[in-house]
Amino acid sequence: MQLTFPHATRQVEFAAAEIKKQQKVDVMSDPAQLRRLRTACEKAKRALSFNAKTEIVVDSLHASIEVTRPQFEKWCNEYFRSCLEPVNKCLLDAKLAKEDIDEIIMIGGSTRIPRVQQLVSQ
């Protein structure tokens, strides 16, 4: 079962709005700047798996936006919760209860996000 989430999309939307507010630059209309912003957001997402806060840094725009793990979790909560649907379906198909599971092995980038780990383990 493979789960994918558009985490970076939510981060990009937030960061682009902040950059527009701070610097009056519309990153969304410039493909090169948008690519740089997406890369910075991906780095920030990874950092939030291990740190309580980080910064989205786009050197070419001289922009730096602080992001906390709770902010990130709030933006992406609907996607995190959606990962439970296929898990519950697998349990139902296998005719297993949550109590029958001893160990969960998760692989892939999104599985490193603490909130995803918490929701699946619950």
C-alpha atoms as a PDB file:
ATOM      1  CA  MET A   1       0.000   0.000   0.000  1.00  0.00           C
ATOM      2  CA  GLN A   2       1.477   3.340  -1.027  1.00  0.00           C
ATOM      3  CA  LEU A   3       0.332   6.613   0.489  1.00  0.00           C
ATOM      4  CA  THR A   4       1.320   9.984  -0.916  1.00  0.00           C
ATOM      5  CA  PHE A   5       0.580  13.410   0.469  1.00  0.00           C
ATOM      6  CA  PRO A   6       0.864  16.864  -1.089  1.00  0.00           C
ATOM      7  CA  HIS A   7       2.581  18.259   2.024  1.00  0.00           C
ATOM      8  CA  ALA A   8       4.917  20.432   0.050  1.00  0.00           C
ATOM      9  CA  THR A   9       1.955  21.945  -1.797  1.00  0.00           C
ATOM     10  CA  ARG A  10       0.471  23.258   1.442  1.00  0.00           C
ATOM     11  CA  GLN A  11       3.853  24.577   2.518  1.00  0.00           C
ATOM     12  CA  VAL A  12       4.408  26.206  -0.869  1.00  0.00           C
ATOM     13  CA  GLU A  13       1.020  27.937  -0.691  1.00  0.00           C
ATOM     14  CA  PHE A  14       1.789  29.283   2.785  1.00  0.00           C
ATOM     15  CA  ALA A  15       5.335  30.336   1.919  1.00  0.00           C
ATOM     16  CA  ALA A  16       4.291  31.972  -1.366  1.00  0.00           C
ATOM     17  CA  ALA A  17       1.630  33.990   0.469  1.00  0.00           C
ATOM     18  CA  GLU A  18       4.172  35.052   3.101  1.00  0.00           C
ATOM     19  CA  ILE A  19       6.717  36.079   0.458  1.00  0.00           C
ATOM     20  CA  LYS A  20       4.045  38.034  -1.400  1.00  0.00           C
ATOM     21  CA  LYS A  21       3.063  39.780   1.842  1.00  0.00           C
ATOM     22  CA  GLN A  22       6.656  40.518   2.907  1.00  0.00           C
ATOM     23  CA  GLN A  23       8.308  41.307  -0.415  1.00  0.00           C
ATOM     24  CA  LYS A  24       5.438  41.968  -2.858  1.00  0.00           C
ATOM     25  CA  VAL A  25       6.780  39.185  -5.146  1.00  0.00           C
ATOM     26  CA  ASP A  26       4.405  36.646  -6.709  1.00  0.00           C
ATOM     27  CA  VAL A  27       6.472  33.448  -6.647  1.00  0.00           C
ATOM     28  CA  MET A  28       3.603  31.436  -8.128  1.00  0.00           C
ATOM     29  CA  SER A  29       3.919  33.237 -11.483  1.00  0.00           C
ATOM     30  CA  ASP A  30       7.664  32.543 -11.905  1.00  0.00           C
ATOM     31  CA  PRO A  31       8.424  28.859 -12.632  1.00  0.00           C
ATOM     32  CA  ALA A  32      12.085  29.122 -11.601  1.00  0.00           C
ATOM     33  CA  GLN A  33      11.300  30.809  -8.272  1.00  0.00           C
ATOM     34  CA  LEU A  34       8.446  28.372  -7.669  1.00  0.00           C
ATOM     35  CA  ARG A  35      10.818  25.437  -8.200  1.00  0.00           C
ATOM     36  CA  ARG A  36      13.279  26.954  -5.710  1.00  0.00           C
ATOM     37  CA  LEU A  37      10.466  27.479  -3.215  1.00  0.00           C
ATOM     38  CA  ARG A  38       9.275  23.873  -3.608  1.00  0.00           C
ATOM     39  CA  THR A  39      12.811  22.628  -2.968  1.00  0.00           C
ATOM     40  CA  ALA A  40      13.081  24.811   0.143  1.00  0.00           C
ATOM     41  CA  CYS A  41       9.692  23.558   1.376  1.00  0.00           C
ATOM     42  CA  GLU A  42      10.739  19.935   0.897  1.00  0.00           C
ATOM     43  CA  LYS A  43      13.885  20.565   2.962  1.00  0.00           C
ATOM     44  CA  ALA A  44      11.781  22.211   5.664  1.00  0.00           C
ATOM     45  CA  LYS A  45       9.341  19.275   5.696  1.00  0.00           C
ATOM     46  CA  ARG A  46      12.224  16.870   6.262  1.00  0.00           C
ATOM     47  CA  ALA A  47      13.688  19.059   8.999  1.00  0.00           C
ATOM     48  CA  LEU A  48      10.333  19.151  10.810  1.00  0.00           C
ATOM     49  CA  SER A  49      10.476  15.359  11.148  1.00  0.00           C
ATOM     50  CA  PHE A  50      13.360  15.847  13.576  1.00  0.00           C
ATOM     51  CA  ASN A  51      12.996  19.427  14.842  1.00  0.00           C
ATOM     52  CA  ALA A  52      10.172  21.419  16.411  1.00  0.00           C
ATOM     53  CA  LYS A  53      10.743  24.336  14.041  1.00  0.00           C
ATOM     54  CA  THR A  54      12.747  25.243  10.971  1.00  0.00           C
ATOM     55  CA  GLU A  55      12.932  27.859   8.260  1.00  0.00           C
ATOM     56  CA  ILE A  56      11.923  27.840   4.626  1.00  0.00           C
ATOM     57  CA  VAL A  57      14.847  29.644   3.019  1.00  0.00           C
ATOM     58  CA  VAL A  58      14.908  30.881  -0.579  1.00  0.00           C
ATOM     59  CA  ASP A  59      18.272  32.581  -1.045  1.00  0.00           C
ATOM     60  CA  SER A  60      17.465  33.976  -4.495  1.00  0.00           C
ATOM     61  CA  LEU A  61      14.544  35.902  -2.987  1.00  0.00           C
ATOM     62  CA  HIS A  62      16.336  36.737   0.252  1.00  0.00           C
ATOM     63  CA  ALA A  63      13.359  35.150   1.990  1.00  0.00           C
ATOM     64  CA  SER A  64      13.258  33.181   5.206  1.00  0.00           C
ATOM     65  CA  ILE A  65      10.025  31.996   6.793  1.00  0.00           C
ATOM     66  CA  GLU A  66       9.873  30.235  10.155  1.00  0.00           C
ATOM     67  CA  VAL A  67       7.653  27.140  10.267  1.00  0.00           C
ATOM     68  CA  THR A  68       6.785  25.071  13.330  1.00  0.00           C
ATOM     69  CA  ARG A  69       5.774  21.426  13.434  1.00  0.00           C
ATOM     70  CA  PRO A  70       2.284  22.306  14.796  1.00  0.00           C
ATOM     71  CA  GLN A  71       1.752  24.708  11.857  1.00  0.00           C
ATOM     72  CA  PHE A  72       2.796  22.024   9.385  1.00  0.00           C
ATOM     73  CA  GLU A  73       0.541  19.458  11.071  1.00  0.00           C
ATOM     74  CA  LYS A  74      -2.399  21.872  10.956  1.00  0.00           C
ATOM     75  CA  TRP A  75      -1.923  22.529   7.218  1.00  0.00           C
ATOM     76  CA  CYS A  76      -1.661  18.829   6.394  1.00  0.00           C
ATOM     77  CA  ASN A  77      -3.992  17.276   8.969  1.00  0.00           C
ATOM     78  CA  GLU A  78      -6.614  16.233   6.401  1.00  0.00           C
ATOM     79  CA  TYR A  79      -3.925  14.387   4.409  1.00  0.00           C
ATOM     80  CA  PHE A  80      -2.522  12.720   7.517  1.00  0.00           C
ATOM     81  CA  ARG A  81      -5.973  11.511   8.507  1.00  0.00           C
ATOM     82  CA  SER A  82      -6.608  10.214   4.996  1.00  0.00           C
ATOM     83  CA  CYS A  83      -3.794   7.696   5.493  1.00  0.00           C
ATOM     84  CA  LEU A  84      -5.983   5.885   8.012  1.00  0.00           C
ATOM     85  CA  GLU A  85      -8.578   4.920   5.387  1.00  0.00           C
ATOM     86  CA  PRO A  86      -6.389   2.374   3.545  1.00  0.00           C
ATOM     87  CA  VAL A  87      -5.005   1.093   6.857  1.00  0.00           C
ATOM     88  CA  ASN A  88      -8.524   0.450   8.154  1.00  0.00           C
ATOM     89  CA  LYS A  89      -9.486  -1.135   4.837  1.00  0.00           C
ATOM     90  CA  CYS A  90      -6.501  -3.512   5.079  1.00  0.00           C
ATOM     91  CA  LEU A  91      -7.530  -4.494   8.597  1.00  0.00           C
ATOM     92  CA  LEU A  92     -11.091  -5.088   7.460  1.00  0.00           C
ATOM     93  CA  ASP A  93     -10.010  -7.102   4.401  1.00  0.00           C
ATOM     94  CA  ALA A  94      -7.677  -9.219   6.552  1.00  0.00           C
ATOM     95  CA  LYS A  95     -10.423  -9.626   9.182  1.00  0.00           C
ATOM     96  CA  LEU A  96      -8.065  -8.310  11.865  1.00  0.00           C
ATOM     97  CA  ALA A  97      -8.665  -5.972  14.780  1.00  0.00           C
ATOM     98  CA  LYS A  98      -6.224  -3.258  15.792  1.00  0.00           C
ATOM     99  CA  GLU A  99      -5.362  -5.349  18.834  1.00  0.00           C
ATOM    100  CA  ASP A 100      -4.182  -8.174  16.536  1.00  0.00           C
ATOM    101  CA  ILE A 101      -1.316  -6.027  15.182  1.00  0.00           C
ATOM    102  CA  ASP A 102       1.990  -6.295  17.035  1.00  0.00           C
ATOM    103  CA  GLU A 103       4.226  -4.261  14.776  1.00  0.00           C
ATOM    104  CA  ILE A 104       3.868  -1.764  11.950  1.00  0.00           C
ATOM    105  CA  ILE A 105       6.603  -1.279   9.375  1.00  0.00           C
ATOM    106  CA  MET A 106       6.322   1.949   7.428  1.00  0.00           C
ATOM    107  CA  ILE A 107       8.592   2.991   4.580  1.00  0.00           C
ATOM    108  CA  GLY A 108       8.881   6.126   2.517  1.00  0.00           C
ATOM    109  CA  GLY A 109       9.383   9.803   3.179  1.00  0.00           C
ATOM    110  CA  SER A 110       5.985  10.638   4.645  1.00  0.00           C
ATOM    111  CA  THR A 111       6.275   7.882   7.227  1.00  0.00           C
ATOM    112  CA  ARG A 112       9.012   9.856   8.976  1.00  0.00           C
ATOM    113  CA  ILE A 113       6.553  12.593   9.883  1.00  0.00           C
ATOM    114  CA  PRO A 114       5.825  12.222  13.608  1.00  0.00           C
ATOM    115  CA  ARG A 115       2.093  12.962  13.231  1.00  0.00           C
ATOM    116  CA  VAL A 116       1.701  10.211  10.598  1.00  0.00           C
ATOM    117  CA  GLN A 117       3.506   7.757  12.894  1.00  0.00           C
ATOM    118  CA  GLN A 118       1.277   8.767  15.798  1.00  0.00           C
ATOM    119  CA  LEU A 119      -1.975   8.404  13.854  1.00  0.00           C
ATOM    120  CA  VAL A 120      -1.066   5.018  12.383  1.00  0.00           C
ATOM    121  CA  SER A 121       0.147   3.618  15.709  1.00  0.00           C
ATOM    122  CA  GLN A 122      -3.087   4.717  17.422  1.00  0.00           C
END
